């Protein structure tokens, strides 16, 4: 089988699946070993870039996916529904960073680092498809373990967790300080709410 035929098969598989396909599955599709398959796919990736096409192949932890190049987003939304966008606040980014660098990690461990409850942040990250449950810790209560998803890799433009920049201890301390500030702000807001309730009760009693 010539190389053009092999590339056509890989292209057909990636286009049809619409999601990431592991290298070993692509190898099975073209009846070649994984190392040879990786070389072929990487050559295809280079070819897509050099020919300035509207699509490209991206690599996600030993899997590959065909997708549209981001520079054509404005053209696409003229004929397609605008994709849903999510907003990552500082709180969500803090929790996501901790999960990305410490995974697999429990919610309790995240809260220990941040110093505040992280239920909302973790639930939002799961809702956005950036974080998922990856197992259970072998400990009393068997708490959930969380890790990042392929969507996280796509969103941040990295092939694997190993490609993330090295985080410094200063950044960890900054996260703790911001979490403490968040906790203090929540405490003040709660006291204000209690004060408003007391005022309302006085008004009603009069």
N, C-alpha and C. Protein backbone atom coordinates (compact mmCIF):
# COMPACT_ATOMS: atom_id res chain seq x y z
N UNK A 1 0.85 -1.19 0.00
CA UNK A 1 0.00 0.00 0.00
C UNK A 1 0.89 1.25 0.00
N UNK A 2 0.66 2.16 -0.97
CA UNK A 2 1.52 3.34 -1.07
C UNK A 2 1.16 4.37 0.00
N UNK A 3 2.04 5.35 0.19
CA UNK A 3 1.89 6.32 1.28
C UNK A 3 0.66 7.18 1.10
N UNK A 4 0.31 7.51 -0.15
CA UNK A 4 -0.89 8.33 -0.38
C UNK A 4 -2.14 7.60 0.11
N UNK A 5 -2.19 6.31 -0.13
CA UNK A 5 -3.33 5.50 0.31
C UNK A 5 -3.39 5.44 1.83
N UNK A 6 -2.23 5.26 2.46
CA UNK A 6 -2.17 5.20 3.92
C UNK A 6 -2.64 6.51 4.53
N UNK A 7 -2.14 7.63 3.98
CA UNK A 7 -2.55 8.94 4.49
C UNK A 7 -4.05 9.15 4.30
N UNK A 8 -4.59 8.67 3.19
CA UNK A 8 -6.01 8.81 2.92
C UNK A 8 -6.84 8.05 3.96
N UNK A 9 -6.35 6.87 4.36
CA UNK A 9 -7.06 6.08 5.37
C UNK A 9 -7.05 6.81 6.71
N UNK A 10 -5.88 7.30 7.10
CA UNK A 10 -5.77 8.04 8.37
C UNK A 10 -6.69 9.26 8.35
N UNK A 11 -6.67 9.97 7.24
CA UNK A 11 -7.52 11.16 7.10
C UNK A 11 -8.99 10.79 7.23
N UNK A 12 -9.39 9.69 6.60
CA UNK A 12 -10.78 9.24 6.65
C UNK A 12 -11.20 8.87 8.08
N UNK A 13 -10.30 8.18 8.79
CA UNK A 13 -10.59 7.77 10.16
C UNK A 13 -10.76 8.98 11.07
N UNK A 14 -9.82 9.92 10.99
CA UNK A 14 -9.87 11.11 11.85
C UNK A 14 -11.08 11.97 11.53
N UNK A 15 -11.39 12.12 10.24
CA UNK A 15 -12.53 12.93 9.84
C UNK A 15 -13.84 12.30 10.32
N UNK A 16 -13.94 10.98 10.16
CA UNK A 16 -15.18 10.28 10.53
C UNK A 16 -15.39 10.27 12.03
N UNK A 17 -14.33 10.01 12.80
CA UNK A 17 -14.47 9.92 14.25
C UNK A 17 -14.80 11.27 14.87
N UNK A 18 -14.20 12.35 14.38
CA UNK A 18 -14.49 13.68 14.89
C UNK A 18 -13.92 13.96 16.27
N UNK A 19 -13.28 12.99 16.87
CA UNK A 19 -12.66 13.16 18.18
C UNK A 19 -11.28 12.52 18.13
N UNK A 20 -10.55 12.58 19.24
CA UNK A 20 -9.20 12.04 19.22
C UNK A 20 -9.21 10.52 19.05
N UNK A 21 -8.22 10.04 18.31
CA UNK A 21 -8.07 8.60 18.07
C UNK A 21 -6.67 8.20 18.49
N UNK A 22 -6.55 7.17 19.32
CA UNK A 22 -5.25 6.73 19.82
C UNK A 22 -4.38 6.23 18.68
N UNK A 23 -3.07 6.38 18.86
CA UNK A 23 -2.11 5.99 17.83
C UNK A 23 -2.19 4.50 17.50
N UNK A 24 -2.45 3.67 18.52
CA UNK A 24 -2.50 2.23 18.25
C UNK A 24 -3.72 1.86 17.39
N UNK A 25 -4.80 2.62 17.53
CA UNK A 25 -5.98 2.36 16.71
C UNK A 25 -5.75 2.78 15.26
N UNK A 26 -5.05 3.89 15.08
CA UNK A 26 -4.69 4.31 13.72
C UNK A 26 -3.75 3.28 13.09
N UNK A 27 -2.83 2.75 13.91
CA UNK A 27 -1.89 1.74 13.42
C UNK A 27 -2.65 0.50 12.94
N UNK A 28 -3.66 0.13 13.71
CA UNK A 28 -4.47 -1.04 13.31
C UNK A 28 -5.22 -0.78 12.01
N UNK A 29 -5.66 0.47 11.83
CA UNK A 29 -6.42 0.81 10.63
C UNK A 29 -5.58 0.72 9.37
N UNK A 30 -4.27 1.00 9.49
CA UNK A 30 -3.41 0.99 8.29
C UNK A 30 -2.47 -0.23 8.26
N UNK A 31 -2.65 -1.12 9.24
CA UNK A 31 -1.84 -2.36 9.31
C UNK A 31 -0.35 -2.07 9.40
N UNK A 32 0.01 -1.14 10.28
CA UNK A 32 1.41 -0.82 10.52
C UNK A 32 1.66 -0.76 12.02
N UNK A 33 2.91 -0.75 12.42
CA UNK A 33 3.25 -0.62 13.84
C UNK A 33 3.07 0.83 14.27
N UNK A 34 3.03 1.04 15.57
CA UNK A 34 2.75 2.37 16.12
C UNK A 34 3.82 3.38 15.75
N UNK A 35 5.10 3.00 15.83
CA UNK A 35 6.18 3.94 15.53
C UNK A 35 6.09 4.45 14.09
N UNK A 36 5.84 3.54 13.15
CA UNK A 36 5.69 3.94 11.75
C UNK A 36 4.48 4.84 11.57
N UNK A 37 3.40 4.49 12.26
CA UNK A 37 2.18 5.30 12.18
C UNK A 37 2.41 6.71 12.69
N UNK A 38 3.14 6.83 13.80
CA UNK A 38 3.44 8.16 14.35
C UNK A 38 4.22 9.00 13.36
N UNK A 39 5.19 8.40 12.69
CA UNK A 39 5.98 9.14 11.70
C UNK A 39 5.09 9.62 10.54
N UNK A 40 4.18 8.75 10.10
CA UNK A 40 3.29 9.11 8.99
C UNK A 40 2.37 10.25 9.40
N UNK A 41 1.79 10.16 10.60
CA UNK A 41 0.86 11.20 11.05
C UNK A 41 1.60 12.53 11.24
N UNK A 42 2.79 12.48 11.79
CA UNK A 42 3.58 13.72 11.98
C UNK A 42 3.92 14.35 10.63
N UNK A 43 4.21 13.53 9.64
CA UNK A 43 4.45 14.06 8.29
C UNK A 43 3.18 14.70 7.73
N UNK A 44 2.05 14.08 8.01
CA UNK A 44 0.77 14.65 7.56
C UNK A 44 0.51 16.00 8.24
N UNK A 45 0.85 16.08 9.51
CA UNK A 45 0.68 17.34 10.25
C UNK A 45 1.50 18.45 9.62
N UNK A 46 2.74 18.12 9.26
CA UNK A 46 3.61 19.11 8.61
C UNK A 46 3.06 19.51 7.25
N UNK A 47 2.52 18.54 6.54
CA UNK A 47 1.99 18.80 5.21
C UNK A 47 0.77 19.72 5.28
N UNK A 48 -0.10 19.48 6.26
CA UNK A 48 -1.29 20.32 6.42
C UNK A 48 -0.90 21.77 6.68
N UNK A 49 0.16 21.94 7.48
CA UNK A 49 0.61 23.30 7.80
C UNK A 49 1.25 23.97 6.59
N UNK A 50 2.09 23.26 5.87
CA UNK A 50 2.81 23.84 4.73
C UNK A 50 1.88 24.19 3.58
N UNK A 51 0.77 23.46 3.45
CA UNK A 51 -0.16 23.71 2.36
C UNK A 51 -1.21 24.76 2.73
N UNK A 52 -1.11 25.31 3.93
CA UNK A 52 -2.01 26.38 4.38
C UNK A 52 -3.47 25.99 4.20
N UNK A 53 -3.83 24.83 4.72
CA UNK A 53 -5.20 24.34 4.61
C UNK A 53 -6.03 24.81 5.78
N UNK A 54 -7.35 24.64 5.70
CA UNK A 54 -8.25 25.12 6.74
C UNK A 54 -8.34 24.20 7.93
N UNK A 55 -7.82 23.00 7.79
CA UNK A 55 -7.86 22.04 8.90
C UNK A 55 -6.45 21.62 9.26
N UNK A 56 -6.33 21.03 10.44
CA UNK A 56 -5.03 20.54 10.88
C UNK A 56 -5.24 19.32 11.76
N UNK A 57 -4.15 18.62 12.04
CA UNK A 57 -4.19 17.47 12.95
C UNK A 57 -3.41 17.87 14.20
N UNK A 58 -4.03 17.66 15.35
CA UNK A 58 -3.36 17.97 16.61
C UNK A 58 -3.09 16.68 17.38
N UNK A 59 -2.07 16.71 18.22
CA UNK A 59 -1.69 15.55 19.02
C UNK A 59 -2.05 15.80 20.47
N UNK A 60 -2.71 14.82 21.09
CA UNK A 60 -3.14 14.93 22.48
C UNK A 60 -2.78 13.65 23.22
N UNK A 61 -1.64 13.64 23.88
CA UNK A 61 -1.20 12.50 24.68
C UNK A 61 -1.32 11.19 23.90
N UNK A 62 -0.55 11.08 22.85
CA UNK A 62 -0.45 9.87 22.02
C UNK A 62 -1.77 9.54 21.31
N UNK A 63 -2.57 10.57 21.06
CA UNK A 63 -3.78 10.42 20.27
C UNK A 63 -3.83 11.62 19.31
N UNK A 64 -4.61 11.48 18.25
CA UNK A 64 -4.65 12.53 17.23
C UNK A 64 -6.08 12.90 16.89
N UNK A 65 -6.28 14.17 16.55
CA UNK A 65 -7.61 14.65 16.21
C UNK A 65 -7.51 15.65 15.08
N UNK A 66 -8.48 15.57 14.17
CA UNK A 66 -8.56 16.55 13.08
C UNK A 66 -9.47 17.68 13.52
N UNK A 67 -9.04 18.90 13.33
CA UNK A 67 -9.84 20.05 13.75
C UNK A 67 -9.60 21.24 12.84
N UNK A 68 -10.44 22.26 13.00
CA UNK A 68 -10.31 23.48 12.21
C UNK A 68 -9.23 24.37 12.79
N UNK A 69 -8.51 25.05 11.94
CA UNK A 69 -7.51 26.00 12.42
C UNK A 69 -8.22 27.20 13.05
N UNK A 70 -7.73 27.67 14.19
CA UNK A 70 -8.40 28.75 14.93
C UNK A 70 -8.53 30.06 14.16
N UNK A 71 -7.63 30.30 13.19
CA UNK A 71 -7.69 31.57 12.45
C UNK A 71 -8.92 31.69 11.55
N UNK A 72 -9.64 30.56 11.37
CA UNK A 72 -10.83 30.59 10.53
C UNK A 72 -12.13 30.66 11.34
N UNK A 73 -11.99 30.91 12.64
CA UNK A 73 -13.16 30.97 13.53
C UNK A 73 -14.18 32.01 13.05
N UNK A 74 -13.71 33.22 12.74
CA UNK A 74 -14.62 34.29 12.34
C UNK A 74 -15.39 33.93 11.07
N UNK A 75 -14.77 33.18 10.18
CA UNK A 75 -15.45 32.76 8.96
C UNK A 75 -16.49 31.69 9.24
N UNK A 76 -16.17 30.80 10.17
CA UNK A 76 -17.07 29.69 10.48
C UNK A 76 -18.37 30.15 11.11
N UNK A 77 -18.28 31.13 12.02
CA UNK A 77 -19.49 31.53 12.73
C UNK A 77 -20.48 32.27 11.84
N UNK A 78 -20.06 32.59 10.61
CA UNK A 78 -20.99 33.21 9.67
C UNK A 78 -22.00 32.19 9.13
N UNK A 79 -21.64 30.93 9.20
CA UNK A 79 -22.52 29.87 8.68
C UNK A 79 -22.87 28.82 9.73
N UNK A 80 -22.29 28.92 10.89
CA UNK A 80 -22.57 27.94 11.94
C UNK A 80 -22.91 28.65 13.24
N UNK A 81 -23.57 27.91 14.13
CA UNK A 81 -23.91 28.49 15.43
C UNK A 81 -22.64 28.81 16.18
N UNK A 82 -22.64 29.93 16.86
CA UNK A 82 -21.46 30.33 17.64
C UNK A 82 -21.28 29.37 18.80
N UNK A 83 -20.11 28.75 18.91
CA UNK A 83 -19.90 27.79 20.00
C UNK A 83 -19.97 28.46 21.36
N UNK A 84 -20.41 27.69 22.34
CA UNK A 84 -20.52 28.20 23.70
C UNK A 84 -19.14 28.51 24.27
N UNK A 85 -19.02 29.66 24.89
CA UNK A 85 -17.77 30.03 25.52
C UNK A 85 -17.96 30.07 27.04
N UNK A 86 -16.94 29.73 27.76
CA UNK A 86 -17.01 29.80 29.21
C UNK A 86 -15.96 30.78 29.71
N UNK A 87 -16.25 31.35 30.86
CA UNK A 87 -15.35 32.34 31.47
C UNK A 87 -14.63 31.70 32.64
N UNK A 88 -13.32 31.76 32.62
CA UNK A 88 -12.52 31.23 33.72
C UNK A 88 -12.09 32.37 34.63
N UNK A 89 -12.76 32.46 35.77
CA UNK A 89 -12.42 33.49 36.75
C UNK A 89 -11.10 33.12 37.44
N UNK A 90 -10.58 34.04 38.24
CA UNK A 90 -9.34 33.76 38.98
C UNK A 90 -9.51 32.54 39.88
N UNK A 91 -10.70 32.42 40.49
CA UNK A 91 -10.96 31.28 41.38
C UNK A 91 -10.90 29.97 40.61
N UNK A 92 -11.52 29.93 39.42
CA UNK A 92 -11.51 28.70 38.62
C UNK A 92 -10.11 28.39 38.11
N UNK A 93 -9.37 29.41 37.72
CA UNK A 93 -8.02 29.20 37.23
C UNK A 93 -7.11 28.66 38.33
N UNK A 94 -7.30 29.16 39.56
CA UNK A 94 -6.52 28.65 40.68
C UNK A 94 -6.77 27.17 40.88
N UNK A 95 -8.06 26.80 40.95
CA UNK A 95 -8.42 25.39 41.17
C UNK A 95 -7.93 24.53 40.01
N UNK A 96 -8.08 25.03 38.77
CA UNK A 96 -7.65 24.27 37.60
C UNK A 96 -6.14 24.07 37.60
N UNK A 97 -5.39 25.09 37.99
CA UNK A 97 -3.94 24.98 38.04
C UNK A 97 -3.50 23.92 39.05
N UNK A 98 -4.15 23.92 40.19
CA UNK A 98 -3.81 22.94 41.23
C UNK A 98 -4.09 21.53 40.74
N UNK A 99 -5.25 21.34 40.11
CA UNK A 99 -5.60 20.01 39.60
C UNK A 99 -4.62 19.57 38.51
N UNK A 100 -4.29 20.50 37.60
CA UNK A 100 -3.39 20.17 36.48
C UNK A 100 -2.03 19.72 36.97
N UNK A 101 -1.50 20.39 38.00
CA UNK A 101 -0.15 20.09 38.46
C UNK A 101 -0.09 19.00 39.53
N UNK A 102 -1.20 18.76 40.22
CA UNK A 102 -1.19 17.81 41.33
C UNK A 102 -1.99 16.54 41.03
N UNK A 103 -2.59 16.44 39.86
CA UNK A 103 -3.47 15.31 39.56
C UNK A 103 -2.75 13.96 39.62
N UNK A 104 -3.51 12.90 40.01
CA UNK A 104 -4.89 12.95 40.49
C UNK A 104 -4.96 13.49 41.91
N UNK A 105 -6.00 14.28 42.19
CA UNK A 105 -6.08 14.97 43.47
C UNK A 105 -7.53 15.00 43.94
N UNK A 106 -7.72 14.93 45.26
CA UNK A 106 -9.07 14.98 45.81
C UNK A 106 -9.49 16.42 46.06
N UNK A 107 -10.78 16.61 46.23
CA UNK A 107 -11.30 17.95 46.50
C UNK A 107 -10.76 18.46 47.85
N UNK A 108 -10.61 17.55 48.80
CA UNK A 108 -10.08 17.95 50.11
C UNK A 108 -8.65 18.47 50.00
N UNK A 109 -7.86 17.83 49.14
CA UNK A 109 -6.47 18.27 48.95
C UNK A 109 -6.42 19.63 48.25
N UNK A 110 -7.35 19.86 47.33
CA UNK A 110 -7.44 21.16 46.66
C UNK A 110 -7.77 22.24 47.68
N UNK A 111 -8.72 21.93 48.55
CA UNK A 111 -9.14 22.89 49.58
C UNK A 111 -8.02 23.15 50.58
N UNK A 112 -7.21 22.14 50.84
CA UNK A 112 -6.09 22.31 51.78
C UNK A 112 -5.08 23.30 51.21
N UNK A 113 -4.85 23.24 49.91
CA UNK A 113 -3.91 24.15 49.26
C UNK A 113 -4.49 25.55 49.18
N UNK A 114 -5.79 25.65 48.80
CA UNK A 114 -6.41 26.96 48.62
C UNK A 114 -6.84 27.58 49.95
N UNK A 115 -7.14 26.74 50.91
CA UNK A 115 -7.56 27.27 52.20
C UNK A 115 -9.03 27.60 52.29
N UNK A 116 -9.79 27.32 51.23
CA UNK A 116 -11.23 27.59 51.22
C UNK A 116 -11.95 26.45 50.52
N UNK A 117 -13.27 26.40 50.70
CA UNK A 117 -14.09 25.39 50.02
C UNK A 117 -13.96 25.53 48.51
N UNK A 118 -13.85 24.40 47.83
CA UNK A 118 -13.65 24.43 46.39
C UNK A 118 -14.75 23.67 45.64
N UNK A 119 -15.86 23.43 46.31
CA UNK A 119 -16.97 22.71 45.67
C UNK A 119 -17.41 23.39 44.38
N UNK A 120 -17.68 24.70 44.47
CA UNK A 120 -18.18 25.44 43.32
C UNK A 120 -17.17 25.39 42.17
N UNK A 121 -15.90 25.65 42.48
CA UNK A 121 -14.87 25.71 41.45
C UNK A 121 -14.72 24.37 40.74
N UNK A 122 -14.64 23.29 41.50
CA UNK A 122 -14.46 21.97 40.90
C UNK A 122 -15.68 21.58 40.07
N UNK A 123 -16.88 21.84 40.61
CA UNK A 123 -18.10 21.51 39.88
C UNK A 123 -18.19 22.27 38.56
N UNK A 124 -17.78 23.54 38.56
CA UNK A 124 -17.79 24.35 37.34
C UNK A 124 -16.79 23.81 36.32
N UNK A 125 -15.63 23.44 36.78
CA UNK A 125 -14.61 22.91 35.88
C UNK A 125 -15.05 21.60 35.25
N UNK A 126 -15.76 20.79 36.03
CA UNK A 126 -16.33 19.55 35.48
C UNK A 126 -17.39 19.88 34.45
N UNK A 127 -18.24 20.85 34.77
CA UNK A 127 -19.30 21.29 33.84
C UNK A 127 -18.71 21.79 32.52
N UNK A 128 -17.58 22.48 32.60
CA UNK A 128 -16.94 23.03 31.41
C UNK A 128 -16.15 21.97 30.64
N UNK A 129 -16.04 20.78 31.20
CA UNK A 129 -15.34 19.71 30.51
C UNK A 129 -13.83 19.82 30.58
N UNK A 130 -13.32 20.62 31.53
CA UNK A 130 -11.87 20.77 31.69
C UNK A 130 -11.31 19.80 32.72
N UNK A 131 -12.19 19.31 33.59
CA UNK A 131 -11.80 18.40 34.67
C UNK A 131 -12.80 17.25 34.71
N UNK A 132 -12.33 16.09 35.13
CA UNK A 132 -13.22 14.93 35.25
C UNK A 132 -12.78 14.06 36.42
N UNK A 133 -13.68 13.18 36.86
CA UNK A 133 -13.33 12.21 37.89
C UNK A 133 -12.50 11.12 37.24
N UNK A 134 -11.35 10.81 37.83
CA UNK A 134 -10.45 9.82 37.25
C UNK A 134 -10.29 8.58 38.12
N UNK A 135 -11.03 8.53 39.23
CA UNK A 135 -10.95 7.37 40.10
C UNK A 135 -11.31 7.72 41.53
N UNK A 136 -11.01 6.80 42.43
CA UNK A 136 -11.29 6.99 43.85
C UNK A 136 -10.03 6.71 44.65
N UNK A 137 -9.80 7.52 45.67
CA UNK A 137 -8.64 7.33 46.53
C UNK A 137 -8.89 6.15 47.46
N UNK A 138 -7.89 5.29 47.61
CA UNK A 138 -8.02 4.14 48.49
C UNK A 138 -7.81 4.58 49.93
N UNK A 139 -8.86 5.21 50.47
CA UNK A 139 -8.83 5.76 51.83
C UNK A 139 -10.25 5.76 52.37
N UNK A 140 -10.42 5.96 53.67
CA UNK A 140 -11.77 6.00 54.24
C UNK A 140 -12.67 6.97 53.49
N UNK A 141 -13.87 6.49 53.13
CA UNK A 141 -14.81 7.33 52.39
C UNK A 141 -14.58 7.29 50.89
N UNK A 142 -13.43 6.76 50.46
CA UNK A 142 -13.06 6.66 49.05
C UNK A 142 -13.42 7.94 48.28
N UNK A 143 -12.77 9.06 48.64
CA UNK A 143 -13.06 10.34 47.96
C UNK A 143 -12.68 10.30 46.48
N UNK A 144 -13.39 11.11 45.68
CA UNK A 144 -13.12 11.18 44.25
C UNK A 144 -11.76 11.79 43.97
N UNK A 145 -11.12 11.30 42.94
CA UNK A 145 -9.88 11.88 42.44
C UNK A 145 -10.19 12.61 41.14
N UNK A 146 -9.64 13.80 40.98
CA UNK A 146 -9.91 14.60 39.79
C UNK A 146 -8.65 14.81 38.97
N UNK A 147 -8.83 14.90 37.66
CA UNK A 147 -7.73 15.17 36.75
C UNK A 147 -8.25 15.97 35.56
N UNK A 148 -7.35 16.43 34.72
CA UNK A 148 -7.74 17.23 33.57
C UNK A 148 -8.17 16.33 32.41
N UNK A 149 -8.84 16.93 31.43
CA UNK A 149 -9.38 16.20 30.29
C UNK A 149 -8.62 16.57 29.01
N UNK A 150 -8.97 15.87 27.93
CA UNK A 150 -8.41 16.23 26.62
C UNK A 150 -8.85 17.64 26.22
N UNK A 151 -10.05 18.02 26.63
CA UNK A 151 -10.53 19.36 26.32
C UNK A 151 -9.65 20.42 26.97
N UNK A 152 -9.11 20.11 28.14
CA UNK A 152 -8.16 21.00 28.81
C UNK A 152 -6.92 21.18 27.94
N UNK A 153 -6.39 20.08 27.41
CA UNK A 153 -5.21 20.15 26.55
C UNK A 153 -5.49 20.97 25.30
N UNK A 154 -6.65 20.74 24.68
CA UNK A 154 -7.02 21.49 23.48
C UNK A 154 -7.15 22.98 23.79
N UNK A 155 -7.81 23.28 24.90
CA UNK A 155 -8.08 24.68 25.25
C UNK A 155 -6.81 25.46 25.53
N UNK A 156 -5.80 24.79 26.10
CA UNK A 156 -4.56 25.48 26.48
C UNK A 156 -3.42 25.20 25.50
N UNK A 157 -3.73 24.50 24.40
CA UNK A 157 -2.76 24.32 23.33
C UNK A 157 -1.53 23.52 23.69
N UNK A 158 -1.70 22.48 24.51
CA UNK A 158 -0.57 21.61 24.86
C UNK A 158 -0.90 20.17 24.47
N UNK A 159 0.15 19.40 24.18
CA UNK A 159 -0.06 18.02 23.76
C UNK A 159 -0.26 17.09 24.95
N UNK A 160 0.39 17.41 26.07
CA UNK A 160 0.27 16.57 27.26
C UNK A 160 0.54 17.41 28.50
N UNK A 161 0.24 16.82 29.64
CA UNK A 161 0.48 17.50 30.92
C UNK A 161 1.97 17.81 31.09
N UNK A 162 2.83 16.98 30.51
CA UNK A 162 4.28 17.19 30.63
C UNK A 162 4.72 18.49 29.97
N UNK A 163 3.90 19.04 29.06
CA UNK A 163 4.26 20.27 28.36
C UNK A 163 3.89 21.53 29.14
N UNK A 164 3.23 21.38 30.28
CA UNK A 164 2.86 22.54 31.08
C UNK A 164 4.12 23.20 31.63
N UNK A 165 4.14 24.53 31.71
CA UNK A 165 5.31 25.21 32.27
C UNK A 165 5.51 24.86 33.74
N UNK A 166 6.75 24.90 34.17
CA UNK A 166 7.07 24.59 35.56
C UNK A 166 6.51 25.69 36.45
N UNK A 167 5.80 25.30 37.51
CA UNK A 167 5.21 26.29 38.42
C UNK A 167 6.14 26.49 39.61
N UNK A 168 6.28 27.73 40.02
CA UNK A 168 7.19 28.05 41.12
C UNK A 168 6.44 28.04 42.45
N UNK A 169 7.22 27.94 43.53
CA UNK A 169 6.63 27.97 44.87
C UNK A 169 5.99 29.33 45.13
N UNK A 170 6.52 30.39 44.49
CA UNK A 170 5.95 31.73 44.66
C UNK A 170 4.50 31.76 44.16
N UNK A 171 4.25 31.04 43.06
CA UNK A 171 2.89 31.00 42.53
C UNK A 171 1.96 30.27 43.49
N UNK A 172 2.45 29.21 44.12
CA UNK A 172 1.64 28.48 45.10
C UNK A 172 1.27 29.41 46.26
N UNK A 173 2.26 30.18 46.73
CA UNK A 173 2.00 31.11 47.82
C UNK A 173 1.00 32.18 47.39
N UNK A 174 1.10 32.61 46.13
CA UNK A 174 0.15 33.60 45.61
C UNK A 174 -1.26 33.04 45.61
N UNK A 175 -1.41 31.77 45.22
CA UNK A 175 -2.72 31.14 45.24
C UNK A 175 -3.29 31.12 46.66
N UNK A 176 -2.42 30.82 47.63
CA UNK A 176 -2.88 30.76 49.02
C UNK A 176 -3.34 32.14 49.48
N UNK A 177 -2.57 33.19 49.14
CA UNK A 177 -2.93 34.55 49.53
C UNK A 177 -4.25 34.98 48.90
N UNK A 178 -4.44 34.64 47.62
CA UNK A 178 -5.68 35.00 46.94
C UNK A 178 -6.87 34.25 47.53
N UNK A 179 -6.63 32.99 47.91
CA UNK A 179 -7.69 32.20 48.52
C UNK A 179 -8.08 32.77 49.88
N UNK A 180 -7.07 33.21 50.65
CA UNK A 180 -7.34 33.83 51.95
C UNK A 180 -8.12 35.13 51.78
N UNK A 181 -7.79 35.89 50.75
CA UNK A 181 -8.53 37.12 50.46
C UNK A 181 -9.98 36.79 50.10
N UNK A 182 -10.14 35.75 49.30
CA UNK A 182 -11.50 35.31 48.92
C UNK A 182 -12.31 34.92 50.14
N UNK A 183 -11.67 34.17 51.06
CA UNK A 183 -12.34 33.74 52.28
C UNK A 183 -12.74 34.93 53.13
N UNK A 184 -11.84 35.91 53.26
CA UNK A 184 -12.13 37.10 54.06
C UNK A 184 -13.29 37.90 53.44
N UNK A 185 -13.31 37.99 52.12
CA UNK A 185 -14.39 38.72 51.43
C UNK A 185 -15.73 38.03 51.65
N UNK A 186 -15.72 36.69 51.59
CA UNK A 186 -16.96 35.93 51.81
C UNK A 186 -17.45 36.13 53.24
N UNK A 187 -16.51 36.20 54.20
CA UNK A 187 -16.87 36.39 55.60
C UNK A 187 -17.52 37.75 55.81
N UNK A 188 -16.94 38.80 55.20
CA UNK A 188 -17.50 40.14 55.31
C UNK A 188 -18.89 40.19 54.70
N UNK A 189 -19.06 39.55 53.53
CA UNK A 189 -20.36 39.54 52.85
C UNK A 189 -21.41 38.85 53.71
N UNK A 190 -21.00 37.75 54.37
CA UNK A 190 -21.93 37.02 55.23
C UNK A 190 -22.37 37.87 56.42
N UNK A 191 -21.43 38.61 57.00
CA UNK A 191 -21.76 39.47 58.14
C UNK A 191 -22.70 40.60 57.73
N UNK A 192 -22.48 41.13 56.53
CA UNK A 192 -23.36 42.18 56.01
C UNK A 192 -24.77 41.65 55.80
N UNK A 193 -24.87 40.42 55.30
CA UNK A 193 -26.17 39.80 55.10
C UNK A 193 -26.89 39.62 56.43
N UNK A 194 -26.13 39.18 57.46
CA UNK A 194 -26.72 39.00 58.78
C UNK A 194 -27.20 40.33 59.34
N UNK A 195 -26.41 41.38 59.12
CA UNK A 195 -26.78 42.71 59.59
C UNK A 195 -28.07 43.18 58.92
N UNK A 196 -28.19 42.94 57.62
CA UNK A 196 -29.39 43.33 56.89
C UNK A 196 -30.61 42.59 57.41
N UNK A 197 -30.43 41.29 57.74
CA UNK A 197 -31.54 40.50 58.27
C UNK A 197 -31.99 41.05 59.62
N UNK A 198 -31.02 41.44 60.48
CA UNK A 198 -31.36 42.00 61.79
C UNK A 198 -32.16 43.30 61.63
N UNK A 199 -31.72 44.14 60.67
CA UNK A 199 -32.43 45.40 60.42
C UNK A 199 -33.85 45.14 59.96
N UNK A 200 -34.02 44.14 59.11
CA UNK A 200 -35.35 43.81 58.63
C UNK A 200 -36.23 43.32 59.74
N UNK A 201 -35.66 42.53 60.65
CA UNK A 201 -36.45 42.01 61.77
C UNK A 201 -36.87 43.15 62.70
N UNK A 202 -35.99 44.12 62.91
CA UNK A 202 -36.34 45.28 63.75
C UNK A 202 -37.48 46.06 63.12
N UNK A 203 -37.41 46.23 61.84
CA UNK A 203 -38.46 46.98 61.13
C UNK A 203 -39.81 46.27 61.28
N UNK A 204 -39.76 44.95 61.14
CA UNK A 204 -41.01 44.19 61.24
C UNK A 204 -41.58 44.24 62.65
N UNK A 205 -40.69 44.19 63.64
CA UNK A 205 -41.16 44.23 65.03
C UNK A 205 -41.80 45.57 65.36
N UNK A 206 -41.29 46.66 64.78
CA UNK A 206 -41.88 47.98 65.03
C UNK A 206 -43.25 48.03 64.38
